[in-house]
Amino acid sequence: MFNLEYLRQAQERSASLGASPEDILATLTRFSAETIAESIRRDAPLWEMADFYLSGGGAHNPVLVGHLSELLPGRAMAPFDRLGFSGDAKEALLFAVLANETLAGGQVRFQGIPSVCMGKISFPG
């Protein structure tokens, strides 16, 4: 869903085609943080009592982590590695599971959603 064409259309709608790459990246980083925080507040009723362990590429982004700390105040944000497991390996493993489910035609049921496909294979072209 999110690609360069999506970004271009969003910039057209918001009259921001002249935005610098730095401003675009800052906006997308903040958008990511707000989306994550909104999902946590909506779907994790006890989030205010939780500590957060971050993994994957975003965990290495100090700006993203700073935004999350601001949007989820008073909550500890720590690397997943503190739990004794590699956060980067966890993300790679989960993507491998998603790839397997995509190839096998697996579907998963989420709360309120009948079933969803776990990925899509796209070829360059």
Protein backbone atom coordinates (compact mmCIF):
# COMPACT_ATOMS: atom_id res chain seq x y z
CA MET A 1 0.00 0.00 0.00
CA PHE A 2 2.76 2.44 0.90
CA ASN A 3 5.04 3.17 -2.03
CA LEU A 4 6.37 6.15 -3.96
CA GLU A 5 3.12 6.57 -5.88
CA TYR A 6 1.14 6.65 -2.63
CA LEU A 7 3.56 9.25 -1.28
CA ARG A 8 3.27 11.38 -4.42
CA GLN A 9 -0.53 11.31 -4.28
CA ALA A 10 -0.48 12.22 -0.58
CA GLN A 11 1.86 15.11 -1.33
CA GLU A 12 -0.46 16.31 -4.10
CA ARG A 13 -3.46 16.20 -1.76
CA SER A 14 -1.58 18.07 0.95
CA ALA A 15 0.10 20.56 -1.43
CA SER A 16 3.52 19.47 -0.20
CA LEU A 17 5.21 18.41 -3.47
CA GLY A 18 8.02 20.88 -2.72
CA ALA A 19 8.86 19.35 0.67
CA SER A 20 12.50 18.44 1.20
CA PRO A 21 13.48 14.78 1.53
CA GLU A 22 14.41 15.52 5.16
CA ASP A 23 10.92 16.91 5.88
CA ILE A 24 9.29 13.94 4.16
CA LEU A 25 11.36 11.48 6.18
CA ALA A 26 10.62 13.35 9.43
CA THR A 27 6.90 13.32 8.65
CA LEU A 28 6.87 9.61 7.80
CA THR A 29 8.81 8.80 10.98
CA ARG A 30 6.34 10.76 13.11
CA PHE A 31 3.42 9.16 11.24
CA SER A 32 4.86 5.71 12.01
CA ALA A 33 5.22 6.55 15.71
CA GLU A 34 1.71 7.96 15.96
CA THR A 35 0.25 4.91 14.20
CA ILE A 36 2.10 2.51 16.53
CA ALA A 37 1.12 4.48 19.66
CA GLU A 38 -2.51 4.74 18.54
CA SER A 39 -2.68 0.98 17.97
CA ILE A 40 -1.19 0.28 21.39
CA ARG A 41 -3.59 2.64 23.17
CA ARG A 42 -6.56 1.20 21.26
CA ASP A 43 -5.75 -2.51 21.39
CA ALA A 44 -3.81 -2.96 24.63
CA PRO A 45 -6.10 -1.85 27.46
CA LEU A 46 -3.37 -2.20 30.11
CA TRP A 47 -0.68 -0.41 28.08
CA GLU A 48 -0.14 2.14 30.84
CA MET A 49 1.18 -0.66 33.06
CA ALA A 50 3.48 -2.18 30.43
CA ASP A 51 7.12 -1.81 29.55
CA PHE A 52 7.95 -1.92 25.86
CA TYR A 53 10.69 -3.96 24.22
CA LEU A 54 11.51 -2.80 20.71
CA SER A 55 12.80 -4.95 17.89
CA GLY A 56 13.53 -4.73 14.19
CA GLY A 57 14.77 -1.77 12.22
CA GLY A 58 12.68 0.82 14.05
CA ALA A 59 14.33 -0.07 17.34
CA HIS A 60 17.58 1.32 15.91
CA ASN A 61 15.99 4.65 14.97
CA PRO A 62 16.48 7.08 17.88
CA VAL A 63 14.01 9.59 16.40
CA LEU A 64 11.26 6.98 16.15
CA VAL A 65 11.99 5.69 19.65
CA GLY A 66 11.95 9.27 20.96
CA HIS A 67 8.55 9.89 19.40
CA LEU A 68 7.20 6.67 20.91
CA SER A 69 8.52 7.68 24.33
CA GLU A 70 6.76 11.02 23.96
CA LEU A 71 3.48 9.47 22.77
CA LEU A 72 3.47 6.73 25.42
CA PRO A 73 4.70 8.76 28.40
CA GLY A 74 6.05 7.11 31.50
CA ARG A 75 6.62 3.76 29.81
CA ALA A 76 10.04 2.16 29.59
CA MET A 77 11.35 1.60 26.06
CA ALA A 78 14.15 -0.95 25.87
CA PRO A 79 15.74 -3.05 23.15
CA PHE A 80 14.26 -6.55 22.83
CA ASP A 81 17.82 -7.85 23.23
CA ARG A 82 17.58 -7.07 26.97
CA LEU A 83 15.29 -10.08 27.22
CA GLY A 84 18.15 -12.30 26.05
CA PHE A 85 17.02 -12.68 22.43
CA SER A 86 18.11 -10.86 19.30
CA GLY A 87 15.45 -8.37 18.24
CA ASP A 88 16.82 -8.35 14.71
CA ALA A 89 16.70 -12.16 14.51
CA LYS A 90 13.14 -12.12 15.85
CA GLU A 91 12.03 -9.82 13.07
CA ALA A 92 13.80 -11.94 10.43
CA LEU A 93 12.16 -15.09 11.81
CA LEU A 94 8.71 -13.51 11.77
CA PHE A 95 9.16 -12.42 8.16
CA ALA A 96 10.18 -16.00 7.31
CA VAL A 97 6.97 -17.26 8.95
CA LEU A 98 4.92 -14.72 6.96
CA ALA A 99 6.67 -15.81 3.76
CA ASN A 100 5.93 -19.46 4.51
CA GLU A 101 2.28 -18.70 5.23
CA THR A 102 2.03 -16.72 2.00
CA LEU A 103 3.48 -19.59 -0.04
CA ALA A 104 1.33 -22.14 1.77
CA GLY A 105 -1.81 -20.04 1.33
CA GLY A 106 -2.27 -19.70 5.08
CA GLN A 107 -4.71 -17.21 6.52
CA VAL A 108 -4.96 -15.87 10.04
CA ARG A 109 -8.00 -14.69 11.95
CA PHE A 110 -7.76 -11.45 13.91
CA GLN A 111 -10.29 -10.02 16.32
CA GLY A 112 -13.21 -8.66 14.30
CA ILE A 113 -11.68 -9.65 10.95
CA PRO A 114 -12.76 -12.97 9.37
CA SER A 115 -9.34 -13.85 7.92
CA VAL A 116 -6.42 -12.17 6.25
CA CYS A 117 -3.74 -13.31 3.85
CA MET A 118 -0.32 -13.04 5.49
CA GLY A 119 1.50 -11.51 2.55
CA LYS A 120 1.83 -10.99 -1.16
CA ILE A 121 4.51 -11.98 -3.60
CA SER A 122 5.53 -9.12 -5.87
CA PHE A 123 7.95 -9.38 -8.75
CA PRO A 124 9.93 -6.43 -10.14
CA GLY A 125 8.68 -5.19 -13.38
